[in-house]
Amino acid sequence: MALILFNKPYGVICQFSGDGSPRPTLADFVKVPGVYPAGRLDQDSEGLLLLTDDGRLQARIADPKYKTAKTYLVQVEGDPDDAALEPLRKGVRLKDGMTLPADARRIDPPDLWPRDPPVRFRKSVPDCWIELTIREGRNRQVRRMTAAIGFPTLRLVRWRIGDWALDGIAPGEWREA
């Protein structure tokens, strides 16, 4: 069984075949036959993507019924205090229903690689970082959750899925678990 931890760069689409556009795909980085992503990251999100050739493992990681914890480092616009993050901890109402309660806390800016292109900086608008752990995986869920509480996401990096973490893997690089 193969299990690959890949640090997906910003702008890469989470499939092996292209859509006709010049955007890079997983095939540009991972040259291992027969592996497929267990879950997805939007093209404008970065970080940990697991790839495997084991269909049962893929389902266990990606299927919401297993509630695999996924931890994100999220740069948000604004300066939320602890009370502003409380709705995330209780569950947020989105158009497709209530989210499960999440773990949410402010963190110091993480020591991450520079993003290309960089996040737009605005002197008049503060930003901060939060660590958010969810146990479901709806489409653009983290972005929708932070927007719902009034703090839009500027940068989103998935750092951990279950027991697997991004530690020491540079953008565009991968290693076997």
N, C-alpha and C. Protein backbone atom coordinates (compact mmCIF):
# COMPACT_ATOMS: atom_id res chain seq x y z
N MET A 1 0.84 -1.19 0.00
CA MET A 1 0.00 0.00 0.00
C MET A 1 0.88 1.24 0.00
N ALA A 2 0.57 2.18 -0.85
CA ALA A 2 1.29 3.44 -0.91
C ALA A 2 0.46 4.52 -0.21
N LEU A 3 1.13 5.34 0.59
CA LEU A 3 0.51 6.53 1.16
C LEU A 3 1.53 7.65 1.04
N ILE A 4 1.14 8.68 0.31
CA ILE A 4 2.03 9.81 0.02
C ILE A 4 1.49 11.06 0.68
N LEU A 5 2.38 11.78 1.36
CA LEU A 5 2.05 13.09 1.93
C LEU A 5 2.64 14.13 0.98
N PHE A 6 1.78 14.93 0.40
CA PHE A 6 2.19 15.92 -0.61
C PHE A 6 1.83 17.31 -0.11
N ASN A 7 2.77 18.25 -0.25
CA ASN A 7 2.51 19.64 0.08
C ASN A 7 2.07 20.35 -1.20
N LYS A 8 0.75 20.46 -1.36
CA LYS A 8 0.19 21.04 -2.58
C LYS A 8 0.41 22.55 -2.59
N PRO A 9 1.10 23.04 -3.61
CA PRO A 9 1.28 24.49 -3.71
C PRO A 9 -0.01 25.20 -4.13
N TYR A 10 -0.05 26.49 -3.87
CA TYR A 10 -1.13 27.35 -4.33
C TYR A 10 -1.22 27.25 -5.85
N GLY A 11 -2.43 27.17 -6.38
CA GLY A 11 -2.64 27.17 -7.82
C GLY A 11 -2.67 25.81 -8.48
N VAL A 12 -2.30 24.75 -7.77
CA VAL A 12 -2.31 23.40 -8.33
C VAL A 12 -3.71 22.82 -8.17
N ILE A 13 -4.22 22.18 -9.24
CA ILE A 13 -5.52 21.54 -9.12
C ILE A 13 -5.35 20.09 -8.69
N CYS A 14 -6.29 19.62 -7.88
CA CYS A 14 -6.21 18.31 -7.23
C CYS A 14 -6.71 17.17 -8.11
N GLN A 15 -6.12 17.05 -9.27
CA GLN A 15 -6.40 15.92 -10.14
C GLN A 15 -5.15 15.68 -10.99
N PHE A 16 -5.07 14.49 -11.55
CA PHE A 16 -3.89 14.14 -12.32
C PHE A 16 -3.98 14.56 -13.78
N SER A 17 -5.19 14.70 -14.30
CA SER A 17 -5.33 15.15 -15.69
C SER A 17 -5.77 16.60 -15.69
N GLY A 18 -5.34 17.32 -16.69
CA GLY A 18 -5.66 18.74 -16.78
C GLY A 18 -7.07 18.97 -17.28
N ASP A 19 -7.50 20.20 -17.20
CA ASP A 19 -8.83 20.57 -17.67
C ASP A 19 -8.72 21.43 -18.93
N GLY A 20 -7.56 21.35 -19.59
CA GLY A 20 -7.35 22.14 -20.79
C GLY A 20 -6.71 23.49 -20.52
N SER A 21 -6.67 23.88 -19.26
CA SER A 21 -6.04 25.16 -18.91
C SER A 21 -4.55 24.90 -18.63
N PRO A 22 -3.76 25.97 -18.55
CA PRO A 22 -2.33 25.78 -18.27
C PRO A 22 -2.02 25.54 -16.79
N ARG A 23 -3.05 25.42 -15.95
CA ARG A 23 -2.81 25.24 -14.52
C ARG A 23 -2.11 23.91 -14.24
N PRO A 24 -1.17 23.91 -13.30
CA PRO A 24 -0.49 22.66 -12.96
C PRO A 24 -1.43 21.69 -12.25
N THR A 25 -1.15 20.39 -12.42
CA THR A 25 -1.94 19.33 -11.79
C THR A 25 -1.02 18.48 -10.91
N LEU A 26 -1.59 17.52 -10.22
CA LEU A 26 -0.80 16.61 -9.39
C LEU A 26 0.24 15.86 -10.22
N ALA A 27 -0.07 15.59 -11.49
CA ALA A 27 0.86 14.86 -12.36
C ALA A 27 2.16 15.62 -12.58
N ASP A 28 2.14 16.92 -12.38
CA ASP A 28 3.36 17.71 -12.53
C ASP A 28 4.32 17.53 -11.35
N PHE A 29 3.84 16.92 -10.28
CA PHE A 29 4.64 16.79 -9.05
C PHE A 29 4.84 15.36 -8.58
N VAL A 30 3.80 14.53 -8.70
CA VAL A 30 3.83 13.16 -8.16
C VAL A 30 3.84 12.18 -9.32
N LYS A 31 4.96 11.48 -9.48
CA LYS A 31 5.13 10.55 -10.60
C LYS A 31 5.00 9.09 -10.12
N VAL A 32 4.03 8.84 -9.26
CA VAL A 32 3.80 7.50 -8.72
C VAL A 32 2.51 6.99 -9.34
N PRO A 33 2.59 5.88 -10.09
CA PRO A 33 1.37 5.39 -10.75
C PRO A 33 0.38 4.79 -9.74
N GLY A 34 -0.91 4.94 -10.04
CA GLY A 34 -1.95 4.25 -9.29
C GLY A 34 -2.38 4.90 -7.98
N VAL A 35 -1.86 6.09 -7.66
CA VAL A 35 -2.32 6.75 -6.43
C VAL A 35 -3.32 7.84 -6.78
N TYR A 36 -4.23 8.07 -5.86
CA TYR A 36 -5.28 9.06 -6.05
C TYR A 36 -5.44 9.87 -4.77
N PRO A 37 -5.88 11.13 -4.88
CA PRO A 37 -6.04 11.94 -3.68
C PRO A 37 -7.17 11.44 -2.79
N ALA A 38 -6.92 11.46 -1.49
CA ALA A 38 -7.93 11.14 -0.50
C ALA A 38 -8.45 12.48 0.01
N GLY A 39 -9.46 12.99 -0.66
CA GLY A 39 -9.96 14.32 -0.37
C GLY A 39 -9.39 15.31 -1.37
N ARG A 40 -9.71 16.57 -1.18
CA ARG A 40 -9.31 17.60 -2.14
C ARG A 40 -8.88 18.85 -1.40
N LEU A 41 -8.17 19.69 -2.11
CA LEU A 41 -7.90 21.06 -1.69
C LEU A 41 -8.18 21.93 -2.90
N ASP A 42 -8.88 23.03 -2.69
CA ASP A 42 -9.14 23.95 -3.79
C ASP A 42 -7.83 24.46 -4.37
N GLN A 43 -7.88 24.95 -5.58
CA GLN A 43 -6.66 25.43 -6.23
C GLN A 43 -6.05 26.59 -5.45
N ASP A 44 -6.86 27.38 -4.74
CA ASP A 44 -6.32 28.51 -3.99
C ASP A 44 -6.01 28.18 -2.54
N SER A 45 -6.00 26.89 -2.21
CA SER A 45 -5.59 26.43 -0.88
C SER A 45 -4.28 25.67 -1.03
N GLU A 46 -3.53 25.61 0.06
CA GLU A 46 -2.21 24.97 0.05
C GLU A 46 -2.17 23.90 1.13
N GLY A 47 -1.12 23.09 1.07
CA GLY A 47 -0.84 22.22 2.19
C GLY A 47 -1.04 20.76 1.93
N LEU A 48 -1.27 20.04 3.03
CA LEU A 48 -1.23 18.58 3.03
C LEU A 48 -2.36 17.96 2.21
N LEU A 49 -1.95 17.13 1.29
CA LEU A 49 -2.86 16.30 0.51
C LEU A 49 -2.32 14.88 0.60
N LEU A 50 -3.18 13.95 0.97
CA LEU A 50 -2.79 12.54 1.03
C LEU A 50 -3.19 11.86 -0.25
N LEU A 51 -2.27 11.04 -0.78
CA LEU A 51 -2.54 10.25 -1.99
C LEU A 51 -2.29 8.79 -1.64
N THR A 52 -3.16 7.91 -2.11
CA THR A 52 -3.01 6.50 -1.80
C THR A 52 -3.54 5.64 -2.94
N ASP A 53 -3.09 4.39 -2.95
CA ASP A 53 -3.61 3.42 -3.89
C ASP A 53 -4.60 2.46 -3.20
N ASP A 54 -4.90 2.72 -1.93
CA ASP A 54 -5.78 1.88 -1.13
C ASP A 54 -7.17 2.54 -1.05
N GLY A 55 -8.13 1.96 -1.75
CA GLY A 55 -9.48 2.54 -1.81
C GLY A 55 -10.15 2.64 -0.45
N ARG A 56 -9.93 1.64 0.42
CA ARG A 56 -10.55 1.70 1.75
C ARG A 56 -9.95 2.83 2.58
N LEU A 57 -8.63 2.99 2.50
CA LEU A 57 -7.99 4.08 3.24
C LEU A 57 -8.45 5.43 2.67
N GLN A 58 -8.54 5.52 1.36
CA GLN A 58 -8.99 6.74 0.72
C GLN A 58 -10.39 7.12 1.23
N ALA A 59 -11.28 6.14 1.31
CA ALA A 59 -12.64 6.40 1.81
C ALA A 59 -12.63 6.80 3.28
N ARG A 60 -11.80 6.14 4.08
CA ARG A 60 -11.75 6.45 5.51
C ARG A 60 -11.27 7.87 5.76
N ILE A 61 -10.35 8.34 4.93
CA ILE A 61 -9.82 9.70 5.08
C ILE A 61 -10.82 10.73 4.56
N ALA A 62 -11.42 10.46 3.41
CA ALA A 62 -12.24 11.47 2.73
C ALA A 62 -13.71 11.47 3.13
N ASP A 63 -14.26 10.33 3.52
CA ASP A 63 -15.69 10.24 3.79
C ASP A 63 -16.03 10.93 5.11
N PRO A 64 -16.97 11.90 5.08
CA PRO A 64 -17.31 12.63 6.30
C PRO A 64 -17.82 11.75 7.44
N LYS A 65 -18.35 10.57 7.13
CA LYS A 65 -18.90 9.74 8.21
C LYS A 65 -17.81 9.28 9.19
N TYR A 66 -16.55 9.29 8.76
CA TYR A 66 -15.46 8.87 9.65
C TYR A 66 -14.93 10.03 10.51
N LYS A 67 -15.33 11.27 10.18
CA LYS A 67 -14.99 12.46 10.97
C LYS A 67 -13.48 12.58 11.26
N THR A 68 -12.67 12.31 10.23
CA THR A 68 -11.22 12.47 10.36
C THR A 68 -10.90 13.95 10.60
N ALA A 69 -10.14 14.23 11.64
CA ALA A 69 -9.79 15.61 11.97
C ALA A 69 -8.82 16.16 10.93
N LYS A 70 -9.10 17.38 10.49
CA LYS A 70 -8.24 18.08 9.53
C LYS A 70 -7.95 19.45 10.14
N THR A 71 -6.65 19.76 10.28
CA THR A 71 -6.25 21.01 10.91
C THR A 71 -5.68 21.97 9.87
N TYR A 72 -6.18 23.19 9.91
CA TYR A 72 -5.80 24.23 8.96
C TYR A 72 -5.18 25.40 9.70
N LEU A 73 -4.19 26.01 9.08
CA LEU A 73 -3.66 27.29 9.52
C LEU A 73 -4.29 28.31 8.59
N VAL A 74 -5.01 29.26 9.16
CA VAL A 74 -5.85 30.15 8.37
C VAL A 74 -5.52 31.61 8.69
N GLN A 75 -5.09 32.32 7.68
CA GLN A 75 -4.90 33.76 7.81
C GLN A 75 -6.22 34.42 7.46
N VAL A 76 -6.77 35.18 8.39
CA VAL A 76 -8.06 35.82 8.16
C VAL A 76 -7.91 37.33 8.15
N GLU A 77 -8.81 37.96 7.45
CA GLU A 77 -8.88 39.42 7.44
C GLU A 77 -9.62 39.84 8.71
N GLY A 78 -9.03 40.78 9.43
CA GLY A 78 -9.62 41.23 10.68
C GLY A 78 -8.84 40.70 11.86
N ASP A 79 -9.35 40.96 13.04
CA ASP A 79 -8.64 40.62 14.27
C ASP A 79 -9.60 39.99 15.27
N PRO A 80 -10.04 38.75 15.01
CA PRO A 80 -11.03 38.14 15.90
C PRO A 80 -10.46 37.85 17.29
N ASP A 81 -11.26 38.16 18.31
CA ASP A 81 -10.87 37.76 19.66
C ASP A 81 -11.49 36.40 19.95
N ASP A 82 -11.29 35.93 21.17
CA ASP A 82 -11.77 34.60 21.54
C ASP A 82 -13.29 34.48 21.39
N ALA A 83 -14.00 35.55 21.77
CA ALA A 83 -15.47 35.52 21.66
C ALA A 83 -15.91 35.43 20.19
N ALA A 84 -15.17 36.06 19.29
CA ALA A 84 -15.52 36.01 17.87
C ALA A 84 -15.33 34.61 17.29
N LEU A 85 -14.41 33.82 17.88
CA LEU A 85 -14.16 32.46 17.40
C LEU A 85 -15.14 31.45 18.00
N GLU A 86 -15.87 31.83 19.04
CA GLU A 86 -16.78 30.91 19.72
C GLU A 86 -17.81 30.28 18.79
N PRO A 87 -18.40 31.01 17.85
CA PRO A 87 -19.35 30.34 16.94
C PRO A 87 -18.73 29.17 16.18
N LEU A 88 -17.44 29.26 15.84
CA LEU A 88 -16.79 28.15 15.15
C LEU A 88 -16.77 26.92 16.06
N ARG A 89 -16.59 27.15 17.35
CA ARG A 89 -16.52 26.04 18.32
C ARG A 89 -17.88 25.39 18.56
N LYS A 90 -18.94 26.14 18.27
CA LYS A 90 -20.29 25.61 18.49
C LYS A 90 -20.92 25.05 17.22
N GLY A 91 -20.38 25.47 16.07
CA GLY A 91 -20.97 25.13 14.79
C GLY A 91 -21.57 26.37 14.17
N VAL A 92 -21.37 26.52 12.88
CA VAL A 92 -21.80 27.70 12.15
C VAL A 92 -22.86 27.29 11.14
N ARG A 93 -23.90 28.12 11.01
CA ARG A 93 -24.92 27.83 10.01
C ARG A 93 -24.44 28.33 8.65
N LEU A 94 -24.33 27.38 7.70
CA LEU A 94 -23.99 27.70 6.32
C LEU A 94 -25.21 27.39 5.47
N LYS A 95 -25.17 27.73 4.20
CA LYS A 95 -26.32 27.50 3.32
C LYS A 95 -26.70 26.02 3.26
N ASP A 96 -25.70 25.13 3.44
CA ASP A 96 -25.99 23.70 3.39
C ASP A 96 -26.15 23.09 4.78
N GLY A 97 -26.45 23.92 5.79
CA GLY A 97 -26.73 23.43 7.14
C GLY A 97 -25.65 23.78 8.14
N MET A 98 -25.86 23.33 9.36
CA MET A 98 -24.93 23.60 10.46
C MET A 98 -23.66 22.75 10.28
N THR A 99 -22.52 23.37 10.61
CA THR A 99 -21.28 22.61 10.64
C THR A 99 -21.16 21.92 12.00
N LEU A 100 -20.34 20.91 12.06
CA LEU A 100 -20.01 20.32 13.35
C LEU A 100 -19.16 21.31 14.13
N PRO A 101 -19.16 21.22 15.46
CA PRO A 101 -18.26 22.08 16.24
C PRO A 101 -16.81 21.85 15.81
N ALA A 102 -16.05 22.94 15.77
CA ALA A 102 -14.64 22.89 15.38
C ALA A 102 -13.78 23.34 16.56
N ASP A 103 -12.52 22.98 16.51
CA ASP A 103 -11.55 23.53 17.46
C ASP A 103 -10.99 24.78 16.78
N ALA A 104 -11.01 25.90 17.47
CA ALA A 104 -10.54 27.15 16.88
C ALA A 104 -9.79 27.95 17.93
N ARG A 105 -8.60 28.42 17.54
CA ARG A 105 -7.83 29.28 18.44
C ARG A 105 -6.93 30.18 17.63
N ARG A 106 -6.64 31.35 18.19
CA ARG A 106 -5.67 32.26 17.57
C ARG A 106 -4.28 31.69 17.77
N ILE A 107 -3.42 31.90 16.77
CA ILE A 107 -2.03 31.48 16.89
C ILE A 107 -1.13 32.61 16.39
N ASP A 108 0.13 32.54 16.79
CA ASP A 108 1.11 33.46 16.23
C ASP A 108 1.28 33.15 14.75
N PRO A 109 1.66 34.12 13.95
CA PRO A 109 1.88 33.82 12.53
C PRO A 109 2.86 32.66 12.38
N PRO A 110 2.45 31.61 11.65
CA PRO A 110 3.33 30.44 11.51
C PRO A 110 4.50 30.74 10.58
N ASP A 111 5.55 29.97 10.74
CA ASP A 111 6.75 30.11 9.91
C ASP A 111 6.54 29.28 8.65
N LEU A 112 5.85 29.87 7.68
CA LEU A 112 5.52 29.17 6.43
C LEU A 112 6.36 29.72 5.29
N TRP A 113 6.39 28.98 4.21
CA TRP A 113 7.01 29.40 2.97
C TRP A 113 6.23 30.59 2.41
N PRO A 114 6.88 31.44 1.62
CA PRO A 114 6.14 32.53 0.98
C PRO A 114 5.16 31.98 -0.04
N ARG A 115 4.01 32.60 -0.14
CA ARG A 115 3.04 32.17 -1.14
C ARG A 115 3.28 32.93 -2.43
N ASP A 116 3.12 32.23 -3.56
CA ASP A 116 3.27 32.86 -4.86
C ASP A 116 1.96 32.66 -5.63
N PRO A 117 1.19 33.71 -5.86
CA PRO A 117 1.46 35.11 -5.54
C PRO A 117 1.20 35.38 -4.06
N PRO A 118 1.82 36.43 -3.52
CA PRO A 118 1.61 36.73 -2.11
C PRO A 118 0.19 37.18 -1.82
N VAL A 119 -0.22 37.03 -0.56
CA VAL A 119 -1.51 37.53 -0.13
C VAL A 119 -1.45 39.05 -0.17
N ARG A 120 -2.50 39.65 -0.69
CA ARG A 120 -2.54 41.12 -0.79
C ARG A 120 -2.53 41.72 0.61
N PHE A 121 -1.59 42.62 0.85
CA PHE A 121 -1.46 43.28 2.15
C PHE A 121 -2.13 44.64 2.09
N ARG A 122 -2.94 44.93 3.10
CA ARG A 122 -3.58 46.25 3.18
C ARG A 122 -3.28 46.84 4.55
N LYS A 123 -2.60 47.98 4.55
CA LYS A 123 -2.21 48.64 5.80
C LYS A 123 -3.41 48.95 6.69
N SER A 124 -4.53 49.28 6.09
CA SER A 124 -5.69 49.72 6.87
C SER A 124 -6.54 48.56 7.41
N VAL A 125 -6.24 47.33 7.00
CA VAL A 125 -7.04 46.18 7.43
C VAL A 125 -6.13 45.18 8.14
N PRO A 126 -6.35 44.95 9.44
CA PRO A 126 -5.51 43.99 10.14
C PRO A 126 -5.82 42.56 9.69
N ASP A 127 -4.90 41.68 9.98
CA ASP A 127 -5.16 40.25 9.75
C ASP A 127 -4.52 39.48 10.91
N CYS A 128 -4.93 38.25 11.05
CA CYS A 128 -4.32 37.38 12.06
C CYS A 128 -4.46 35.93 11.60
N TRP A 129 -3.83 35.05 12.35
CA TRP A 129 -3.86 33.62 12.04
C TRP A 129 -4.66 32.87 13.09
N ILE A 130 -5.42 31.89 12.62
CA ILE A 130 -6.09 30.97 13.54
C ILE A 130 -5.76 29.55 13.12
N GLU A 131 -5.84 28.66 14.09
CA GLU A 131 -5.73 27.23 13.81
C GLU A 131 -7.14 26.69 13.95
N LEU A 132 -7.62 26.01 12.92
CA LEU A 132 -8.99 25.52 12.88
C LEU A 132 -8.96 24.03 12.55
N THR A 133 -9.59 23.23 13.41
CA THR A 133 -9.68 21.79 13.17
C THR A 133 -11.14 21.43 12.97
N ILE A 134 -11.43 20.85 11.81
CA ILE A 134 -12.79 20.42 11.49
C ILE A 134 -12.81 18.91 11.32
N ARG A 135 -14.01 18.34 11.40
CA ARG A 135 -14.17 16.89 11.29
C ARG A 135 -15.17 16.50 10.21
N GLU A 136 -15.27 17.36 9.23
CA GLU A 136 -16.09 17.08 8.05
C GLU A 136 -15.37 17.75 6.89
N GLY A 137 -15.87 17.69 5.71
CA GLY A 137 -15.13 18.24 4.59
C GLY A 137 -16.03 18.75 3.49
N ARG A 138 -16.85 19.71 3.81
CA ARG A 138 -17.73 20.29 2.79
C ARG A 138 -16.92 21.17 1.84
N ASN A 139 -17.51 21.43 0.70
CA ASN A 139 -16.86 22.26 -0.31
C ASN A 139 -16.55 23.65 0.27
N ARG A 140 -15.27 24.02 0.22
CA ARG A 140 -14.80 25.34 0.69
C ARG A 140 -15.27 25.66 2.10
N GLN A 141 -15.35 24.63 2.93
CA GLN A 141 -15.95 24.78 4.26
C GLN A 141 -15.23 25.79 5.15
N VAL A 142 -13.91 25.71 5.25
CA VAL A 142 -13.20 26.61 6.14
C VAL A 142 -13.40 28.06 5.69
N ARG A 143 -13.29 28.32 4.41
CA ARG A 143 -13.50 29.67 3.90
C ARG A 143 -14.91 30.16 4.21
N ARG A 144 -15.88 29.30 4.04
CA ARG A 144 -17.27 29.70 4.31
C ARG A 144 -17.50 29.92 5.80
N MET A 145 -16.85 29.11 6.64
CA MET A 145 -17.01 29.28 8.10
C MET A 145 -16.43 30.60 8.57
N THR A 146 -15.21 30.93 8.13
CA THR A 146 -14.61 32.19 8.60
C THR A 146 -15.38 33.39 8.06
N ALA A 147 -15.87 33.29 6.83
CA ALA A 147 -16.67 34.39 6.27
C ALA A 147 -17.97 34.55 7.05
N ALA A 148 -18.57 33.43 7.48
CA ALA A 148 -19.84 33.48 8.20
C ALA A 148 -19.72 34.22 9.53
N ILE A 149 -18.53 34.22 10.13
CA ILE A 149 -18.35 34.94 11.39
C ILE A 149 -17.71 36.32 11.15
N GLY A 150 -17.59 36.72 9.88
CA GLY A 150 -17.13 38.07 9.57
C GLY A 150 -15.64 38.25 9.39
N PHE A 151 -14.90 37.15 9.21
CA PHE A 151 -13.45 37.22 9.05
C PHE A 151 -13.03 36.38 7.83
N PRO A 152 -13.09 36.98 6.64
CA PRO A 152 -12.80 36.22 5.41
C PRO A 152 -11.37 35.64 5.41
N THR A 153 -11.24 34.48 4.82
CA THR A 153 -9.94 33.82 4.71
C THR A 153 -9.09 34.49 3.64
N LEU A 154 -7.84 34.77 4.00
CA LEU A 154 -6.87 35.32 3.06
C LEU A 154 -5.93 34.22 2.55
N ARG A 155 -5.52 33.34 3.45
CA ARG A 155 -4.62 32.24 3.10
C ARG A 155 -5.04 31.02 3.89
N LEU A 156 -5.03 29.86 3.24
CA LEU A 156 -5.49 28.62 3.86
C LEU A 156 -4.47 27.53 3.60
N VAL A 157 -3.91 26.98 4.69
CA VAL A 157 -2.91 25.92 4.59
C VAL A 157 -3.39 24.74 5.45
N ARG A 158 -3.65 23.59 4.80
CA ARG A 158 -3.99 22.40 5.60
C ARG A 158 -2.69 21.84 6.13
N TRP A 159 -2.61 21.70 7.45
CA TRP A 159 -1.38 21.28 8.10
C TRP A 159 -1.42 19.82 8.51
N ARG A 160 -2.60 19.31 8.87
CA ARG A 160 -2.68 17.96 9.41
C ARG A 160 -3.98 17.29 8.98
N ILE A 161 -3.89 15.99 8.71
CA ILE A 161 -5.06 15.13 8.48
C ILE A 161 -4.87 13.93 9.38
N GLY A 162 -5.75 13.77 10.37
CA GLY A 162 -5.58 12.66 11.32
C GLY A 162 -4.21 12.72 11.97
N ASP A 163 -3.44 11.64 11.84
CA ASP A 163 -2.10 11.56 12.44
C ASP A 163 -1.00 12.05 11.51
N TRP A 164 -1.34 12.40 10.28
CA TRP A 164 -0.32 12.81 9.30
C TRP A 164 -0.20 14.32 9.27
N ALA A 165 1.04 14.82 9.25
CA ALA A 165 1.25 16.27 9.25
C ALA A 165 2.26 16.65 8.18
N LEU A 166 2.28 17.92 7.87
CA LEU A 166 3.09 18.48 6.81
C LEU A 166 4.55 18.72 7.22
N ASP A 167 4.85 18.55 8.48
CA ASP A 167 6.18 18.86 9.01
C ASP A 167 7.31 18.50 8.05
N GLY A 168 8.10 19.50 7.67
CA GLY A 168 9.31 19.27 6.90
C GLY A 168 9.14 19.00 5.42
N ILE A 169 7.93 19.14 4.88
CA ILE A 169 7.72 18.90 3.45
C ILE A 169 7.52 20.26 2.77
N ALA A 170 8.42 20.60 1.87
CA ALA A 170 8.36 21.89 1.17
C ALA A 170 7.25 21.87 0.13
N PRO A 171 6.74 23.03 -0.26
CA PRO A 171 5.71 23.08 -1.32
C PRO A 171 6.19 22.38 -2.59
N GLY A 172 5.30 21.54 -3.14
CA GLY A 172 5.63 20.80 -4.36
C GLY A 172 6.40 19.52 -4.10
N GLU A 173 6.75 19.26 -2.84
CA GLU A 173 7.50 18.04 -2.48
C GLU A 173 6.54 17.04 -1.83
N TRP A 174 6.98 15.78 -1.78
CA TRP A 174 6.21 14.73 -1.15
C TRP A 174 7.12 13.70 -0.53
N ARG A 175 6.55 12.91 0.37
CA ARG A 175 7.27 11.76 0.95
C ARG A 175 6.26 10.67 1.24
N GLU A 176 6.78 9.46 1.31
CA GLU A 176 5.93 8.33 1.66
C GLU A 176 5.77 8.28 3.17
N ALA A 177 4.57 7.90 3.60
CA ALA A 177 4.29 7.79 5.04
C ALA A 177 4.82 6.47 5.56
